[in-house]
C-alpha atoms as a PDB file:
ATOM      1  CA  MET A   1     -10.848   9.750 -11.275  1.00  0.00           C
ATOM      2  CA  PHE A   2      -9.103   6.823  -9.613  1.00  0.00           C
ATOM      3  CA  GLU A   3     -10.520   3.582  -8.301  1.00  0.00           C
ATOM      4  CA  ALA A   4      -9.237   1.384  -5.485  1.00  0.00           C
ATOM      5  CA  ILE A   5      -9.992  -2.323  -5.721  1.00  0.00           C
ATOM      6  CA  GLU A   6      -9.469  -5.197  -3.282  1.00  0.00           C
ATOM      7  CA  TYR A   7      -8.990  -8.804  -4.410  1.00  0.00           C
ATOM      8  CA  ILE A   8      -9.199 -11.679  -1.926  1.00  0.00           C
ATOM      9  CA  GLU A   9      -8.193 -15.194  -2.841  1.00  0.00           C
ATOM     10  CA  VAL A  10     -11.040 -17.601  -2.160  1.00  0.00           C
ATOM     11  CA  GLN A  11     -10.032 -20.954  -0.712  1.00  0.00           C
ATOM     12  CA  PRO A  12     -11.303 -23.734  -2.975  1.00  0.00           C
ATOM     13  CA  SER A  13     -13.375 -26.506  -1.492  1.00  0.00           C
ATOM     14  CA  LEU A  14     -12.200 -30.102  -1.784  1.00  0.00           C
ATOM     15  CA  ASN A  15     -12.342 -31.444  -5.350  1.00  0.00           C
ATOM     16  CA  ALA A  16     -12.837 -27.909  -6.722  1.00  0.00           C
ATOM     17  CA  ARG A  17     -10.569 -25.931  -8.988  1.00  0.00           C
ATOM     18  CA  ASN A  18      -9.141 -22.637  -7.835  1.00  0.00           C
ATOM     19  CA  PRO A  19     -11.948 -20.113  -8.088  1.00  0.00           C
ATOM     20  CA  ALA A  20     -11.372 -16.560  -9.265  1.00  0.00           C
ATOM     21  CA  PRO A  21     -10.568 -14.144  -6.443  1.00  0.00           C
ATOM     22  CA  SER A  22     -13.378 -12.065  -5.037  1.00  0.00           C
ATOM     23  CA  GLU A  23     -13.224  -8.476  -6.235  1.00  0.00           C
ATOM     24  CA  ARG A  24     -14.540  -5.510  -4.259  1.00  0.00           C
ATOM     25  CA  SER A  25     -14.463  -1.858  -5.215  1.00  0.00           C
ATOM     26  CA  LEU A  26     -13.260   0.325  -2.361  1.00  0.00           C
ATOM     27  CA  GLY A  27     -14.553   3.400  -4.163  1.00  0.00           C
ATOM     28  CA  THR A  28     -13.772   6.023  -6.756  1.00  0.00           C
ATOM     29  CA  TYR A  29     -11.666   9.026  -5.781  1.00  0.00           C
ATOM     30  CA  GLU A  30     -10.726  12.328  -7.352  1.00  0.00           C
ATOM     31  CA  SER A  31      -7.035  11.929  -6.577  1.00  0.00           C
ATOM     32  CA  GLU A  32      -4.607   9.050  -6.777  1.00  0.00           C
ATOM     33  CA  GLU A  33      -3.464   9.820  -3.222  1.00  0.00           C
ATOM     34  CA  GLU A  34      -7.004   9.393  -1.838  1.00  0.00           C
ATOM     35  CA  ALA A  35      -7.395   6.072  -3.656  1.00  0.00           C
ATOM     36  CA  ILE A  36      -4.038   4.808  -2.353  1.00  0.00           C
ATOM     37  CA  GLU A  37      -5.015   5.807   1.183  1.00  0.00           C
ATOM     38  CA  ALA A  38      -8.240   3.784   0.829  1.00  0.00           C
ATOM     39  CA  GLY A  39      -6.182   0.790  -0.340  1.00  0.00           C
ATOM     40  CA  ARG A  40      -3.782   1.158   2.577  1.00  0.00           C
ATOM     41  CA  GLU A  41      -6.668   1.362   5.049  1.00  0.00           C
ATOM     42  CA  ALA A  42      -8.307  -1.773   3.610  1.00  0.00           C
ATOM     43  CA  ARG A  43      -4.972  -3.579   3.734  1.00  0.00           C
ATOM     44  CA  GLN A  44      -4.413  -2.601   7.366  1.00  0.00           C
ATOM     45  CA  ALA A  45      -7.923  -3.726   8.329  1.00  0.00           C
ATOM     46  CA  LEU A  46      -7.372  -7.145   6.768  1.00  0.00           C
ATOM     47  CA  LEU A  47      -3.938  -7.544   8.360  1.00  0.00           C
ATOM     48  CA  GLU A  48      -5.498  -7.040  11.791  1.00  0.00           C
ATOM     49  CA  ILE A  49      -7.561 -10.225  11.342  1.00  0.00           C
ATOM     50  CA  ASP A  50      -5.915 -13.288  12.903  1.00  0.00           C
ATOM     51  CA  HIS A  51      -6.168 -15.623   9.907  1.00  0.00           C
ATOM     52  CA  GLU A  52      -6.271 -13.339   6.940  1.00  0.00           C
ATOM     53  CA  PRO A  53      -6.443 -14.792   3.445  1.00  0.00           C
ATOM     54  CA  TYR A  54      -4.076 -13.741   0.680  1.00  0.00           C
ATOM     55  CA  ALA A  55      -5.277 -10.443  -0.744  1.00  0.00           C
ATOM     56  CA  TRP A  56      -4.016  -7.601  -2.888  1.00  0.00           C
ATOM     57  CA  TRP A  57      -5.068  -4.065  -3.616  1.00  0.00           C
ATOM     58  CA  ILE A  58      -4.671  -1.911  -6.673  1.00  0.00           C
ATOM     59  CA  VAL A  59      -5.296   1.687  -7.662  1.00  0.00           C
ATOM     60  CA  ARG A  60      -5.861   2.609 -11.272  1.00  0.00           C
ATOM     61  CA  ARG A  61      -7.461   5.313 -13.329  1.00  0.00           C
ATOM     62  CA  SER A  62     -11.171   4.588 -13.688  1.00  0.00           C
ATOM     63  CA  GLY A  63     -11.634   2.047 -16.466  1.00  0.00           C
ATOM     64  CA  ALA A  64      -7.882   1.487 -16.993  1.00  0.00           C
ATOM     65  CA  ARG A  65      -6.347  -1.952 -17.374  1.00  0.00           C
ATOM     66  CA  LEU A  66      -3.018  -1.031 -15.767  1.00  0.00           C
ATOM     67  CA  ALA A  67      -2.651  -0.500 -12.038  1.00  0.00           C
ATOM     68  CA  GLN A  68      -0.745   2.518 -10.789  1.00  0.00           C
ATOM     69  CA  TRP A  69      -0.297   1.238  -7.218  1.00  0.00           C
ATOM     70  CA  ILE A  70      -0.162  -2.379  -5.992  1.00  0.00           C
ATOM     71  CA  ALA A  71       0.197  -3.917  -2.515  1.00  0.00           C
ATOM     72  CA  ASP A  72      -0.470  -7.377  -1.090  1.00  0.00           C
ATOM     73  CA  SER A  73      -1.154  -8.968   2.281  1.00  0.00           C
ATOM     74  CA  HIS A  74       2.009 -11.075   2.435  1.00  0.00           C
ATOM     75  CA  SER A  75       4.591  -8.308   2.273  1.00  0.00           C
ATOM     76  CA  ASP A  76       5.161  -4.749   3.391  1.00  0.00           C
ATOM     77  CA  GLN A  77       6.123  -3.680  -0.112  1.00  0.00           C
ATOM     78  CA  GLU A  78       4.117  -1.332  -2.291  1.00  0.00           C
ATOM     79  CA  PHE A  79       4.698  -0.833  -5.994  1.00  0.00           C
ATOM     80  CA  VAL A  80       3.928   1.709  -8.684  1.00  0.00           C
ATOM     81  CA  LEU A  81       4.028   1.128 -12.413  1.00  0.00           C
ATOM     82  CA  ASP A  82       6.449   3.157 -14.525  1.00  0.00           C
ATOM     83  CA  LEU A  83       4.309   3.659 -17.623  1.00  0.00           C
ATOM     84  CA  THR A  84       7.328   4.601 -19.732  1.00  0.00           C
ATOM     85  CA  THR A  85       9.049   1.252 -19.170  1.00  0.00           C
ATOM     86  CA  GLY A  86       6.249  -1.020 -17.937  1.00  0.00           C
ATOM     87  CA  GLN A  87       8.356  -1.856 -14.871  1.00  0.00           C
ATOM     88  CA  LEU A  88       7.046  -2.212 -11.326  1.00  0.00           C
ATOM     89  CA  ILE A  89       8.980   0.029  -8.956  1.00  0.00           C
ATOM     90  CA  GLU A  90       8.997  -0.462  -5.197  1.00  0.00           C
ATOM     91  CA  VAL A  91       7.747   2.519  -3.190  1.00  0.00           C
ATOM     92  CA  PRO A  92      10.356   3.392  -0.549  1.00  0.00           C
END
Protein backbone atom coordinates (compact mmCIF):
# COMPACT_ATOMS: atom_id res chain seq x y z
CA MET A 1 0.00 0.00 0.00
CA PHE A 2 1.10 3.55 -0.76
CA GLU A 3 0.00 6.81 0.80
CA ALA A 4 -0.10 10.27 -0.75
CA ILE A 5 0.33 13.22 1.60
CA GLU A 6 0.01 16.97 1.08
CA TYR A 7 1.90 19.52 3.19
CA ILE A 8 0.98 23.21 3.09
CA GLU A 9 3.13 25.86 4.70
CA VAL A 10 1.09 27.91 7.14
CA GLN A 11 1.84 31.62 7.17
CA PRO A 12 2.82 32.68 10.69
CA SER A 13 1.01 35.55 12.32
CA LEU A 14 2.95 38.60 13.47
CA ASN A 15 5.22 37.90 16.45
CA ALA A 16 4.79 34.13 15.97
CA ARG A 17 7.40 31.56 15.09
CA ASN A 18 7.06 29.52 11.94
CA PRO A 19 4.42 26.91 12.64
CA ALA A 20 4.70 23.35 11.37
CA PRO A 21 3.12 22.83 7.95
CA SER A 22 -0.38 21.45 7.81
CA GLU A 23 -0.43 17.80 6.80
CA ARG A 24 -3.30 16.13 4.96
CA SER A 25 -3.56 12.54 3.81
CA LEU A 26 -4.79 12.29 0.24
CA GLY A 27 -5.49 8.60 0.74
CA THR A 28 -4.01 5.13 0.67
CA TYR A 29 -3.65 3.33 -2.65
CA GLU A 30 -2.79 -0.17 -3.77
CA SER A 31 -0.26 1.01 -6.35
CA GLU A 32 2.43 3.65 -6.36
CA GLU A 33 1.08 4.95 -9.68
CA GLU A 34 -2.38 5.59 -8.19
CA ALA A 35 -0.84 7.44 -5.24
CA ILE A 36 1.32 9.59 -7.53
CA GLU A 37 -1.72 10.43 -9.65
CA ALA A 38 -3.55 11.58 -6.49
CA GLY A 39 -0.55 13.78 -5.61
CA ARG A 40 -0.46 15.25 -9.11
CA GLU A 41 -4.19 15.99 -9.00
CA ALA A 42 -3.89 17.73 -5.61
CA ARG A 43 -0.93 19.72 -6.90
CA GLN A 44 -2.83 20.82 -10.00
CA ALA A 45 -5.85 21.85 -7.93
CA LEU A 46 -3.71 24.02 -5.68
CA LEU A 47 -1.85 25.59 -8.61
CA GLU A 48 -5.18 26.73 -10.07
CA ILE A 49 -5.77 28.96 -7.02
CA ASP A 50 -4.66 32.56 -7.59
CA HIS A 51 -2.56 32.99 -4.44
CA GLU A 52 -1.47 29.51 -3.56
CA PRO A 53 0.77 28.94 -0.56
CA TYR A 54 3.96 26.91 -0.75
CA ALA A 55 3.06 23.24 -0.65
CA TRP A 56 4.61 19.87 -1.39
CA TRP A 57 3.37 16.37 -1.94
CA ILE A 58 4.93 13.02 -1.25
CA VAL A 59 4.16 9.37 -1.93
CA ARG A 60 5.59 6.67 0.28
CA ARG A 61 4.89 3.13 1.30
CA SER A 62 2.38 3.12 4.15
CA GLY A 63 4.23 3.80 7.39
CA ALA A 64 7.59 4.46 5.68
CA ARG A 65 9.83 7.37 6.59
CA LEU A 66 11.28 7.81 3.09
CA ALA A 67 9.28 9.31 0.25
CA GLN A 68 9.32 7.61 -3.13
CA TRP A 69 7.91 10.58 -5.07
CA ILE A 70 8.17 14.30 -4.24
CA ALA A 71 6.80 17.43 -5.95
CA ASP A 72 6.28 21.03 -4.82
CA SER A 73 4.17 24.02 -5.79
CA HIS A 74 7.05 26.27 -6.85
CA SER A 75 8.50 24.15 -9.63
CA ASP A 76 7.45 21.76 -12.35
CA GLN A 77 9.98 19.17 -11.22
CA GLU A 78 9.11 15.82 -9.71
CA PHE A 79 11.59 13.57 -7.95
CA VAL A 80 11.94 9.94 -6.96
CA LEU A 81 14.32 8.53 -4.38
CA ASP A 82 16.94 6.02 -5.47
CA LEU A 83 16.95 3.75 -2.43
CA THR A 84 20.30 2.23 -3.38
CA THR A 85 22.11 5.57 -3.23
CA GLY A 86 19.76 7.80 -1.23
CA GLN A 87 19.82 10.33 -4.08
CA LEU A 88 16.84 12.29 -5.36
CA ILE A 89 16.44 11.83 -9.10
CA GLU A 90 14.39 14.18 -11.27
CA VAL A 91 11.55 12.52 -13.17
CA PRO A 92 11.84 13.44 -16.86
